[in-house]
Amino acid sequence: MAEFTISGVWKNNNDVVTHYAFHQVLERTIYRAEKKSKAEAIALLETKGNSAVTWVWDYNKATWSFGEEVEVVRGFTGKYLRSNRDNRQTDNLGHLINFEWYP
C-alpha cells in the first residue's frame, strides 16, 4: 500500500496528458517527483491499496495544498486518471502544473 500526490503533467502536441509527476508520501514526508507515463500511473493506482491526491500550488499562500482524490476511469479512448467528476476544470488533472519544459 502506497500513497502518492500528483503535482503536474506533461502533454503532447494535441494537449493530451501523457505523463504525470508522482510524489510518494511516506510518514507525512512528500518525496521528489518521478515522471510516470500514463500506463505506469494507471498501473500504480490500480494496485490494491495505492491512492493519490492532487497536490496544487497555491499562489496566494505560496505553498502546496492537497487537492482532490484521483481515480482511474475508463472512457471512450481507454483508461485515464480523473479527480472528482463534477464538470470542473480540475476533473482530468489538466489544471496541474504543465512540466512540458522539463524532460
PDB file of N, CA and C in Angstrom:
ATOM      1  N   MET A   1       0.842  -1.174   0.000  1.00  0.00           N
ATOM      2  CA  MET A   1       0.000   0.000   0.000  1.00  0.00           C
ATOM      3  C   MET A   1       0.888   1.238   0.000  1.00  0.00           C
ATOM      4  N   ALA A   2       0.587   2.187  -0.911  1.00  0.00           N
ATOM      5  CA  ALA A   2       1.377   3.410  -1.012  1.00  0.00           C
ATOM      6  C   ALA A   2       0.461   4.596  -1.279  1.00  0.00           C
ATOM      7  N   GLU A   3       0.888   5.747  -0.767  1.00  0.00           N
ATOM      8  CA  GLU A   3       0.169   6.988  -1.001  1.00  0.00           C
ATOM      9  C   GLU A   3       1.023   7.887  -1.883  1.00  0.00           C
ATOM     10  N   PHE A   4       0.354   8.609  -2.777  1.00  0.00           N
ATOM     11  CA  PHE A   4       1.044   9.495  -3.703  1.00  0.00           C
ATOM     12  C   PHE A   4       0.309  10.829  -3.804  1.00  0.00           C
ATOM     13  N   THR A   5       1.069  11.853  -4.214  1.00  0.00           N
ATOM     14  CA  THR A   5       0.468  13.100  -4.668  1.00  0.00           C
ATOM     15  C   THR A   5       0.886  13.274  -6.127  1.00  0.00           C
ATOM     16  N   ILE A   6       0.081  13.999  -6.874  1.00  0.00           N
ATOM     17  CA  ILE A   6       0.383  14.298  -8.276  1.00  0.00           C
ATOM     18  C   ILE A   6       0.388  15.814  -8.416  1.00  0.00           C
ATOM     19  N   SER A   7       1.565  16.366  -8.785  1.00  0.00           N
ATOM     20  CA  SER A   7       1.702  17.823  -8.809  1.00  0.00           C
ATOM     21  C   SER A   7       1.712  18.431 -10.199  1.00  0.00           C
ATOM     22  N   GLY A   8       1.897  17.612 -11.232  1.00  0.00           N
ATOM     23  CA  GLY A   8       1.986  18.192 -12.564  1.00  0.00           C
ATOM     24  C   GLY A   8       1.815  17.151 -13.646  1.00  0.00           C
ATOM     25  N   VAL A   9       1.781  17.638 -14.875  1.00  0.00           N
ATOM     26  CA  VAL A   9       1.566  16.768 -16.034  1.00  0.00           C
ATOM     27  C   VAL A   9       2.461  17.191 -17.188  1.00  0.00           C
ATOM     28  N   TRP A  10       2.646  16.275 -18.117  1.00  0.00           N
ATOM     29  CA  TRP A  10       3.269  16.549 -19.409  1.00  0.00           C
ATOM     30  C   TRP A  10       2.205  16.262 -20.455  1.00  0.00           C
ATOM     31  N   LYS A  11       2.111  17.112 -21.477  1.00  0.00           N
ATOM     32  CA  LYS A  11       1.101  16.941 -22.522  1.00  0.00           C
ATOM     33  C   LYS A  11       1.771  16.827 -23.883  1.00  0.00           C
ATOM     34  N   ASN A  12       1.086  16.176 -24.820  1.00  0.00           N
ATOM     35  CA  ASN A  12       1.594  16.097 -26.187  1.00  0.00           C
ATOM     36  C   ASN A  12       1.109  17.306 -26.986  1.00  0.00           C
ATOM     37  N   ASN A  13       1.394  17.334 -28.270  1.00  0.00           N
ATOM     38  CA  ASN A  13       1.010  18.469 -29.123  1.00  0.00           C
ATOM     39  C   ASN A  13      -0.491  18.634 -29.267  1.00  0.00           C
ATOM     40  N   ASN A  14      -1.261  17.596 -28.941  1.00  0.00           N
ATOM     41  CA  ASN A  14      -2.725  17.663 -29.007  1.00  0.00           C
ATOM     42  C   ASN A  14      -3.340  18.024 -27.662  1.00  0.00           C
ATOM     43  N   ASP A  15      -2.512  18.475 -26.707  1.00  0.00           N
ATOM     44  CA  ASP A  15      -2.950  18.878 -25.371  1.00  0.00           C
ATOM     45  C   ASP A  15      -3.508  17.706 -24.558  1.00  0.00           C
ATOM     46  N   VAL A  16      -3.026  16.492 -24.853  1.00  0.00           N
ATOM     47  CA  VAL A  16      -3.437  15.291 -24.133  1.00  0.00           C
ATOM     48  C   VAL A  16      -2.351  14.940 -23.123  1.00  0.00           C
ATOM     49  N   VAL A  17      -2.737  14.665 -21.883  1.00  0.00           N
ATOM     50  CA  VAL A  17      -1.779  14.306 -20.835  1.00  0.00           C
ATOM     51  C   VAL A  17      -1.132  12.967 -21.179  1.00  0.00           C
ATOM     52  N   THR A  18       0.208  12.937 -21.164  1.00  0.00           N
ATOM     53  CA  THR A  18       0.949  11.711 -21.465  1.00  0.00           C
ATOM     54  C   THR A  18       1.725  11.188 -20.259  1.00  0.00           C
ATOM     55  N   HIS A  19       2.100  12.086 -19.336  1.00  0.00           N
ATOM     56  CA  HIS A  19       2.881  11.719 -18.161  1.00  0.00           C
ATOM     57  C   HIS A  19       2.412  12.533 -16.956  1.00  0.00           C
ATOM     58  N   TYR A  20       2.717  12.007 -15.763  1.00  0.00           N
ATOM     59  CA  TYR A  20       2.323  12.650 -14.510  1.00  0.00           C
ATOM     60  C   TYR A  20       3.518  12.756 -13.584  1.00  0.00           C
ATOM     61  N   ALA A  21       3.552  13.799 -12.752  1.00  0.00           N
ATOM     62  CA  ALA A  21       4.579  13.966 -11.726  1.00  0.00           C
ATOM     63  C   ALA A  21       4.056  13.360 -10.427  1.00  0.00           C
ATOM     64  N   PHE A  22       4.517  12.148 -10.105  1.00  0.00           N
ATOM     65  CA  PHE A  22       4.098  11.414  -8.914  1.00  0.00           C
ATOM     66  C   PHE A  22       5.104  11.630  -7.785  1.00  0.00           C
ATOM     67  N   HIS A  23       4.605  11.930  -6.599  1.00  0.00           N
ATOM     68  CA  HIS A  23       5.430  12.048  -5.395  1.00  0.00           C
ATOM     69  C   HIS A  23       4.955  10.984  -4.415  1.00  0.00           C
ATOM     70  N   GLN A  24       5.848  10.159  -3.933  1.00  0.00           N
ATOM     71  CA  GLN A  24       5.444   9.197  -2.920  1.00  0.00           C
ATOM     72  C   GLN A  24       5.377   9.904  -1.573  1.00  0.00           C
ATOM     73  N   VAL A  25       4.406   9.506  -0.758  1.00  0.00           N
ATOM     74  CA  VAL A  25       4.223  10.075   0.569  1.00  0.00           C
ATOM     75  C   VAL A  25       4.500   8.971   1.588  1.00  0.00           C
ATOM     76  N   LEU A  26       5.513   9.191   2.422  1.00  0.00           N
ATOM     77  CA  LEU A  26       5.858   8.230   3.476  1.00  0.00           C
ATOM     78  C   LEU A  26       5.968   8.970   4.802  1.00  0.00           C
ATOM     79  N   GLU A  27       5.181   8.540   5.768  1.00  0.00           N
ATOM     80  CA  GLU A  27       5.225   9.132   7.104  1.00  0.00           C
ATOM     81  C   GLU A  27       5.170  10.655   7.049  1.00  0.00           C
ATOM     82  N   ARG A  28       4.217  11.171   6.296  1.00  0.00           N
ATOM     83  CA  ARG A  28       3.950  12.602   6.157  1.00  0.00           C
ATOM     84  C   ARG A  28       5.076  13.373   5.480  1.00  0.00           C
ATOM     85  N   THR A  29       5.992  12.671   4.816  1.00  0.00           N
ATOM     86  CA  THR A  29       7.032  13.314   4.015  1.00  0.00           C
ATOM     87  C   THR A  29       6.706  13.079   2.551  1.00  0.00           C
ATOM     88  N   ILE A  30       6.735  14.146   1.768  1.00  0.00           N
ATOM     89  CA  ILE A  30       6.455  14.047   0.337  1.00  0.00           C
ATOM     90  C   ILE A  30       7.782  14.119  -0.399  1.00  0.00           C
ATOM     91  N   TYR A  31       8.046  13.084  -1.197  1.00  0.00           N
ATOM     92  CA  TYR A  31       9.331  12.961  -1.868  1.00  0.00           C
ATOM     93  C   TYR A  31       9.329  13.602  -3.250  1.00  0.00           C
ATOM     94  N   ARG A  32      10.521  13.769  -3.786  1.00  0.00           N
ATOM     95  CA  ARG A  32      10.732  14.365  -5.107  1.00  0.00           C
ATOM     96  C   ARG A  32       9.891  13.639  -6.162  1.00  0.00           C
ATOM     97  N   ALA A  33       9.425  14.386  -7.132  1.00  0.00           N
ATOM     98  CA  ALA A  33       8.555  13.828  -8.177  1.00  0.00           C
ATOM     99  C   ALA A  33       9.296  12.851  -9.074  1.00  0.00           C
ATOM    100  N   GLU A  34       8.571  11.843  -9.494  1.00  0.00           N
ATOM    101  CA  GLU A  34       9.046  10.915 -10.510  1.00  0.00           C
ATOM    102  C   GLU A  34       8.091  10.995 -11.685  1.00  0.00           C
ATOM    103  N   LYS A  35       8.645  11.126 -12.873  1.00  0.00           N
ATOM    104  CA  LYS A  35       7.833  11.205 -14.090  1.00  0.00           C
ATOM    105  C   LYS A  35       7.319   9.806 -14.418  1.00  0.00           C
ATOM    106  N   LYS A  36       5.998   9.662 -14.451  1.00  0.00           N
ATOM    107  CA  LYS A  36       5.363   8.373 -14.742  1.00  0.00           C
ATOM    108  C   LYS A  36       4.530   8.504 -16.007  1.00  0.00           C
ATOM    109  N   SER A  37       4.670   7.536 -16.899  1.00  0.00           N
ATOM    110  CA  SER A  37       3.838   7.526 -18.102  1.00  0.00           C
ATOM    111  C   SER A  37       2.391   7.284 -17.698  1.00  0.00           C
ATOM    112  N   LYS A  38       1.502   7.538 -18.614  1.00  0.00           N
ATOM    113  CA  LYS A  38       0.084   7.297 -18.357  1.00  0.00           C
ATOM    114  C   LYS A  38      -0.139   5.841 -17.946  1.00  0.00           C
ATOM    115  N   ALA A  39       0.497   4.908 -18.648  1.00  0.00           N
ATOM    116  CA  ALA A  39       0.336   3.476 -18.335  1.00  0.00           C
ATOM    117  C   ALA A  39       0.885   3.160 -16.946  1.00  0.00           C
ATOM    118  N   GLU A  40       2.048   3.725 -16.601  1.00  0.00           N
ATOM    119  CA  GLU A  40       2.625   3.498 -15.272  1.00  0.00           C
ATOM    120  C   GLU A  40       1.727   4.072 -14.181  1.00  0.00           C
ATOM    121  N   ALA A  41       1.185   5.259 -14.413  1.00  0.00           N
ATOM    122  CA  ALA A  41       0.309   5.907 -13.438  1.00  0.00           C
ATOM    123  C   ALA A  41      -0.953   5.074 -13.207  1.00  0.00           C
ATOM    124  N   ILE A  42      -1.532   4.585 -14.282  1.00  0.00           N
ATOM    125  CA  ILE A  42      -2.736   3.754 -14.167  1.00  0.00           C
ATOM    126  C   ILE A  42      -2.420   2.480 -13.391  1.00  0.00           C
ATOM    127  N   ALA A  43      -1.307   1.834 -13.722  1.00  0.00           N
ATOM    128  CA  ALA A  43      -0.925   0.603 -13.023  1.00  0.00           C
ATOM    129  C   ALA A  43      -0.716   0.858 -11.532  1.00  0.00           C
ATOM    130  N   LEU A  44      -0.066   1.973 -11.183  1.00  0.00           N
ATOM    131  CA  LEU A  44       0.149   2.300  -9.769  1.00  0.00           C
ATOM    132  C   LEU A  44      -1.169   2.433  -9.025  1.00  0.00           C
ATOM    133  N   LEU A  45      -2.118   3.152  -9.622  1.00  0.00           N
ATOM    134  CA  LEU A  45      -3.374   3.415  -8.926  1.00  0.00           C
ATOM    135  C   LEU A  45      -4.356   2.255  -9.002  1.00  0.00           C
ATOM    136  N   GLU A  46      -4.128   1.318  -9.916  1.00  0.00           N
ATOM    137  CA  GLU A  46      -4.968   0.124  -9.951  1.00  0.00           C
ATOM    138  C   GLU A  46      -4.456  -0.948  -8.991  1.00  0.00           C
ATOM    139  N   THR A  47      -3.278  -0.744  -8.430  1.00  0.00           N
ATOM    140  CA  THR A  47      -2.738  -1.669  -7.443  1.00  0.00           C
ATOM    141  C   THR A  47      -3.506  -1.478  -6.135  1.00  0.00           C
ATOM    142  N   LYS A  48      -4.042  -2.565  -5.645  1.00  0.00           N
ATOM    143  CA  LYS A  48      -4.868  -2.520  -4.429  1.00  0.00           C
ATOM    144  C   LYS A  48      -4.116  -1.839  -3.289  1.00  0.00           C
ATOM    145  N   GLY A  49      -4.779  -0.888  -2.655  1.00  0.00           N
ATOM    146  CA  GLY A  49      -4.206  -0.179  -1.523  1.00  0.00           C
ATOM    147  C   GLY A  49      -3.490   1.105  -1.869  1.00  0.00           C
ATOM    148  N   ASN A  50      -3.152   1.326  -3.142  1.00  0.00           N
ATOM    149  CA  ASN A  50      -2.499   2.567  -3.548  1.00  0.00           C
ATOM    150  C   ASN A  50      -3.536   3.662  -3.749  1.00  0.00           C
ATOM    151  N   SER A  51      -3.152   4.890  -3.456  1.00  0.00           N
ATOM    152  CA  SER A  51      -4.064   6.021  -3.643  1.00  0.00           C
ATOM    153  C   SER A  51      -3.258   7.266  -3.995  1.00  0.00           C
ATOM    154  N   ALA A  52      -3.949   8.255  -4.545  1.00  0.00           N
ATOM    155  CA  ALA A  52      -3.297   9.522  -4.901  1.00  0.00           C
ATOM    156  C   ALA A  52      -4.285  10.663  -4.772  1.00  0.00           C
ATOM    157  N   VAL A  53      -3.733  11.828  -4.481  1.00  0.00           N
ATOM    158  CA  VAL A  53      -4.491  13.075  -4.491  1.00  0.00           C
ATOM    159  C   VAL A  53      -3.689  14.089  -5.293  1.00  0.00           C
ATOM    160  N   THR A  54      -4.365  15.098  -5.789  1.00  0.00           N
ATOM    161  CA  THR A  54      -3.642  16.170  -6.458  1.00  0.00           C
ATOM    162  C   THR A  54      -2.917  16.996  -5.396  1.00  0.00           C
ATOM    163  N   TRP A  55      -1.820  17.595  -5.816  1.00  0.00           N
ATOM    164  CA  TRP A  55      -1.027  18.455  -4.935  1.00  0.00           C
ATOM    165  C   TRP A  55      -0.854  19.749  -5.696  1.00  0.00           C
ATOM    166  N   VAL A  56      -1.520  20.785  -5.238  1.00  0.00           N
ATOM    167  CA  VAL A  56      -1.694  22.008  -6.012  1.00  0.00           C
ATOM    168  C   VAL A  56      -0.929  23.171  -5.371  1.00  0.00           C
ATOM    169  N   TRP A  57      -0.225  23.928  -6.214  1.00  0.00           N
ATOM    170  CA  TRP A  57       0.464  25.115  -5.741  1.00  0.00           C
ATOM    171  C   TRP A  57      -0.541  26.235  -5.546  1.00  0.00           C
ATOM    172  N   ASP A  58      -0.589  26.789  -4.338  1.00  0.00           N
ATOM    173  CA  ASP A  58      -1.482  27.899  -4.007  1.00  0.00           C
ATOM    174  C   ASP A  58      -0.673  29.186  -4.129  1.00  0.00           C
ATOM    175  N   TYR A  59      -0.897  29.918  -5.195  1.00  0.00           N
ATOM    176  CA  TYR A  59      -0.120  31.135  -5.458  1.00  0.00           C
ATOM    177  C   TYR A  59      -0.372  32.219  -4.415  1.00  0.00           C
ATOM    178  N   ASN A  60      -1.572  32.280  -3.862  1.00  0.00           N
ATOM    179  CA  ASN A  60      -1.876  33.296  -2.849  1.00  0.00           C
ATOM    180  C   ASN A  60      -1.119  33.061  -1.554  1.00  0.00           C
ATOM    181  N   LYS A  61      -0.999  31.806  -1.150  1.00  0.00           N
ATOM    182  CA  LYS A  61      -0.328  31.465   0.108  1.00  0.00           C
ATOM    183  C   LYS A  61       1.130  31.053  -0.095  1.00  0.00           C
ATOM    184  N   ALA A  62       1.549  30.897  -1.358  1.00  0.00           N
ATOM    185  CA  ALA A  62       2.913  30.465  -1.698  1.00  0.00           C
ATOM    186  C   ALA A  62       3.266  29.157  -0.996  1.00  0.00           C
ATOM    187  N   THR A  63       2.364  28.188  -1.128  1.00  0.00           N
ATOM    188  CA  THR A  63       2.581  26.878  -0.528  1.00  0.00           C
ATOM    189  C   THR A  63       1.782  25.824  -1.287  1.00  0.00           C
ATOM    190  N   TRP A  64       2.131  24.568  -1.062  1.00  0.00           N
ATOM    191  CA  TRP A  64       1.399  23.460  -1.676  1.00  0.00           C
ATOM    192  C   TRP A  64       0.217  23.084  -0.800  1.00  0.00           C
ATOM    193  N   SER A  65      -0.866  22.641  -1.439  1.00  0.00           N
ATOM    194  CA  SER A  65      -2.011  22.145  -0.683  1.00  0.00           C
ATOM    195  C   SER A  65      -2.551  20.887  -1.350  1.00  0.00           C
ATOM    196  N   PHE A  66      -3.118  20.018  -0.530  1.00  0.00           N
ATOM    197  CA  PHE A  66      -3.706  18.792  -1.051  1.00  0.00           C
ATOM    198  C   PHE A  66      -5.031  19.120  -1.715  1.00  0.00           C
ATOM    199  N   GLY A  67      -5.257  18.482  -2.858  1.00  0.00           N
ATOM    200  CA  GLY A  67      -6.482  18.731  -3.607  1.00  0.00           C
ATOM    201  C   GLY A  67      -7.431  17.552  -3.543  1.00  0.00           C
ATOM    202  N   GLU A  68      -7.819  17.074  -4.701  1.00  0.00           N
ATOM    203  CA  GLU A  68      -8.858  16.058  -4.806  1.00  0.00           C
ATOM    204  C   GLU A  68      -8.268  14.663  -4.985  1.00  0.00           C
ATOM    205  N   GLU A  69      -9.041  13.659  -4.603  1.00  0.00           N
ATOM    206  CA  GLU A  69      -8.638  12.278  -4.822  1.00  0.00           C
ATOM    207  C   GLU A  69      -8.612  11.985  -6.316  1.00  0.00           C
ATOM    208  N   VAL A  70      -7.687  11.134  -6.716  1.00  0.00           N
ATOM    209  CA  VAL A  70      -7.528  10.768  -8.122  1.00  0.00           C
ATOM    210  C   VAL A  70      -7.903   9.299  -8.280  1.00  0.00           C
ATOM    211  N   GLU A  71      -8.619   8.999  -9.360  1.00  0.00           N
ATOM    212  CA  GLU A  71      -9.021   7.620  -9.625  1.00  0.00           C
ATOM    213  C   GLU A  71      -8.785   7.280 -11.092  1.00  0.00           C
ATOM    214  N   VAL A  72      -8.750   5.990 -11.372  1.00  0.00           N
ATOM    215  CA  VAL A  72      -8.635   5.502 -12.740  1.00  0.00           C
ATOM    216  C   VAL A  72     -10.044   5.255 -13.251  1.00  0.00           C
ATOM    217  N   VAL A  73     -10.348   5.780 -14.425  1.00  0.00           N
ATOM    218  CA  VAL A  73     -11.657   5.555 -15.047  1.00  0.00           C
ATOM    219  C   VAL A  73     -11.459   5.106 -16.488  1.00  0.00           C
ATOM    220  N   ARG A  74     -12.472   4.494 -17.018  1.00  0.00           N
ATOM    221  CA  ARG A  74     -12.437   4.053 -18.412  1.00  0.00           C
ATOM    222  C   ARG A  74     -13.348   4.961 -19.225  1.00  0.00           C
ATOM    223  N   GLY A  75     -12.772   5.557 -20.272  1.00  0.00           N
ATOM    224  CA  GLY A  75     -13.530   6.424 -21.161  1.00  0.00           C
ATOM    225  C   GLY A  75     -13.603   5.840 -22.557  1.00  0.00           C
ATOM    226  N   PHE A  76     -14.043   6.628 -23.503  1.00  0.00           N
ATOM    227  CA  PHE A  76     -14.179   6.174 -24.895  1.00  0.00           C
ATOM    228  C   PHE A  76     -12.829   5.792 -25.502  1.00  0.00           C
ATOM    229  N   THR A  77     -11.760   6.467 -25.059  1.00  0.00           N
ATOM    230  CA  THR A  77     -10.436   6.211 -25.632  1.00  0.00           C
ATOM    231  C   THR A  77      -9.562   5.333 -24.737  1.00  0.00           C
ATOM    232  N   GLY A  78     -10.132   4.757 -23.692  1.00  0.00           N
ATOM    233  CA  GLY A  78      -9.373   3.905 -22.783  1.00  0.00           C
ATOM    234  C   GLY A  78      -9.325   4.478 -21.387  1.00  0.00           C
ATOM    235  N   LYS A  79      -8.436   3.937 -20.571  1.00  0.00           N
ATOM    236  CA  LYS A  79      -8.316   4.362 -19.181  1.00  0.00           C
ATOM    237  C   LYS A  79      -7.526   5.660 -19.074  1.00  0.00           C
ATOM    238  N   TYR A  80      -7.877   6.431 -18.049  1.00  0.00           N
ATOM    239  CA  TYR A  80      -7.147   7.666 -17.751  1.00  0.00           C
ATOM    240  C   TYR A  80      -7.374   8.031 -16.294  1.00  0.00           C
ATOM    241  N   LEU A  81      -6.627   9.023 -15.797  1.00  0.00           N
ATOM    242  CA  LEU A  81      -6.780   9.480 -14.420  1.00  0.00           C
ATOM    243  C   LEU A  81      -7.737  10.658 -14.375  1.00  0.00           C
ATOM    244  N   ARG A  82      -8.542  10.668 -13.312  1.00  0.00           N
ATOM    245  CA  ARG A  82      -9.515  11.745 -13.151  1.00  0.00           C
ATOM    246  C   ARG A  82      -9.691  12.032 -11.672  1.00  0.00           C
ATOM    247  N   SER A  83      -9.941  13.289 -11.358  1.00  0.00           N
ATOM    248  CA  SER A  83     -10.311  13.647  -9.998  1.00  0.00           C
ATOM    249  C   SER A  83     -11.838  13.691  -9.955  1.00  0.00           C
ATOM    250  N   ASN A  84     -12.410  14.321  -8.966  1.00  0.00           N
ATOM    251  CA  ASN A  84     -13.862  14.345  -8.816  1.00  0.00           C
ATOM    252  C   ASN A  84     -14.570  14.724 -10.109  1.00  0.00           C
ATOM    253  N   ARG A  85     -15.546  13.936 -10.458  1.00  0.00           N
ATOM    254  CA  ARG A  85     -16.303  14.203 -11.689  1.00  0.00           C
ATOM    255  C   ARG A  85     -17.422  15.195 -11.394  1.00  0.00           C
ATOM    256  N   ASP A  86     -17.147  16.445 -11.619  1.00  0.00           N
ATOM    257  CA  ASP A  86     -18.157  17.468 -11.372  1.00  0.00           C
ATOM    258  C   ASP A  86     -18.121  18.557 -12.440  1.00  0.00           C
ATOM    259  N   ASN A  87     -17.557  18.200 -13.597  1.00  0.00           N
ATOM    260  CA  ASN A  87     -17.506  19.112 -14.740  1.00  0.00           C
ATOM    261  C   ASN A  87     -16.734  20.394 -14.458  1.00  0.00           C
ATOM    262  N   ARG A  88     -15.759  20.306 -13.585  1.00  0.00           N
ATOM    263  CA  ARG A  88     -14.890  21.442 -13.322  1.00  0.00           C
ATOM    264  C   ARG A  88     -13.588  21.261 -14.080  1.00  0.00           C
ATOM    265  N   GLN A  89     -12.815  22.313 -14.150  1.00  0.00           N
ATOM    266  CA  GLN A  89     -11.532  22.287 -14.852  1.00  0.00           C
ATOM    267  C   GLN A  89     -10.598  21.237 -14.263  1.00  0.00           C
ATOM    268  N   THR A  90     -10.761  20.923 -12.990  1.00  0.00           N
ATOM    269  CA  THR A  90      -9.851  20.019 -12.304  1.00  0.00           C
ATOM    270  C   THR A  90     -10.141  18.549 -12.579  1.00  0.00           C
ATOM    271  N   ASP A  91     -11.201  18.240 -13.289  1.00  0.00           N
ATOM    272  CA  ASP A  91     -11.612  16.851 -13.494  1.00  0.00           C
ATOM    273  C   ASP A  91     -10.504  15.939 -14.010  1.00  0.00           C
ATOM    274  N   ASN A  92      -9.778  16.338 -15.024  1.00  0.00           N
ATOM    275  CA  ASN A  92      -8.831  15.447 -15.680  1.00  0.00           C
ATOM    276  C   ASN A  92      -7.374  15.845 -15.445  1.00  0.00           C
ATOM    277  N   LEU A  93      -7.133  16.555 -14.371  1.00  0.00           N
ATOM    278  CA  LEU A  93      -5.798  16.943 -13.917  1.00  0.00           C
ATOM    279  C   LEU A  93      -5.099  17.921 -14.849  1.00  0.00           C
ATOM    280  N   GLY A  94      -5.797  18.445 -15.829  1.00  0.00           N
ATOM    281  CA  GLY A  94      -5.213  19.404 -16.762  1.00  0.00           C
ATOM    282  C   GLY A  94      -4.874  20.735 -16.117  1.00  0.00           C
ATOM    283  N   HIS A  95      -5.382  20.997 -14.936  1.00  0.00           N
ATOM    284  CA  HIS A  95      -5.116  22.251 -14.234  1.00  0.00           C
ATOM    285  C   HIS A  95      -3.780  22.236 -13.492  1.00  0.00           C
ATOM    286  N   LEU A  96      -3.169  21.061 -13.372  1.00  0.00           N
ATOM    287  CA  LEU A  96      -1.898  20.969 -12.652  1.00  0.00           C
ATOM    288  C   LEU A  96      -0.779  21.624 -13.448  1.00  0.00           C
ATOM    289  N   ILE A  97       0.348  21.864 -12.785  1.00  0.00           N
ATOM    290  CA  ILE A  97       1.492  22.500 -13.439  1.00  0.00           C
ATOM    291  C   ILE A  97       1.878  21.716 -14.685  1.00  0.00           C
ATOM    292  N   ASN A  98       2.089  22.436 -15.775  1.00  0.00           N
ATOM    293  CA  ASN A  98       2.492  21.811 -17.029  1.00  0.00           C
ATOM    294  C   ASN A  98       4.020  21.735 -17.059  1.00  0.00           C
ATOM    295  N   PHE A  99       4.549  20.527 -16.943  1.00  0.00           N
ATOM    296  CA  PHE A  99       6.000  20.314 -16.933  1.00  0.00           C
ATOM    297  C   PHE A  99       6.559  20.094 -18.321  1.00  0.00           C
ATOM    298  N   GLU A 100       5.890  20.593 -19.329  1.00  0.00           N
ATOM    299  CA  GLU A 100       6.318  20.418 -20.720  1.00  0.00           C
ATOM    300  C   GLU A 100       7.764  20.857 -20.939  1.00  0.00           C
ATOM    301  N   TRP A 101       8.205  21.863 -20.218  1.00  0.00           N
ATOM    302  CA  TRP A 101       9.553  22.415 -20.350  1.00  0.00           C
ATOM    303  C   TRP A 101      10.599  21.538 -19.702  1.00  0.00           C
ATOM    304  N   TYR A 102      10.184  20.601 -18.847  1.00  0.00           N
ATOM    305  CA  TYR A 102      11.116  19.769 -18.085  1.00  0.00           C
ATOM    306  C   TYR A 102      11.134  18.350 -18.644  1.00  0.00           C
ATOM    307  N   PRO A 103      12.318  17.818 -18.931  1.00  0.00           N
ATOM    308  CA  PRO A 103      12.373  16.480 -19.547  1.00  0.00           C
ATOM    309  C   PRO A 103      11.837  15.492 -18.610  1.00  0.00           C
TER     310      PRO A 103
END
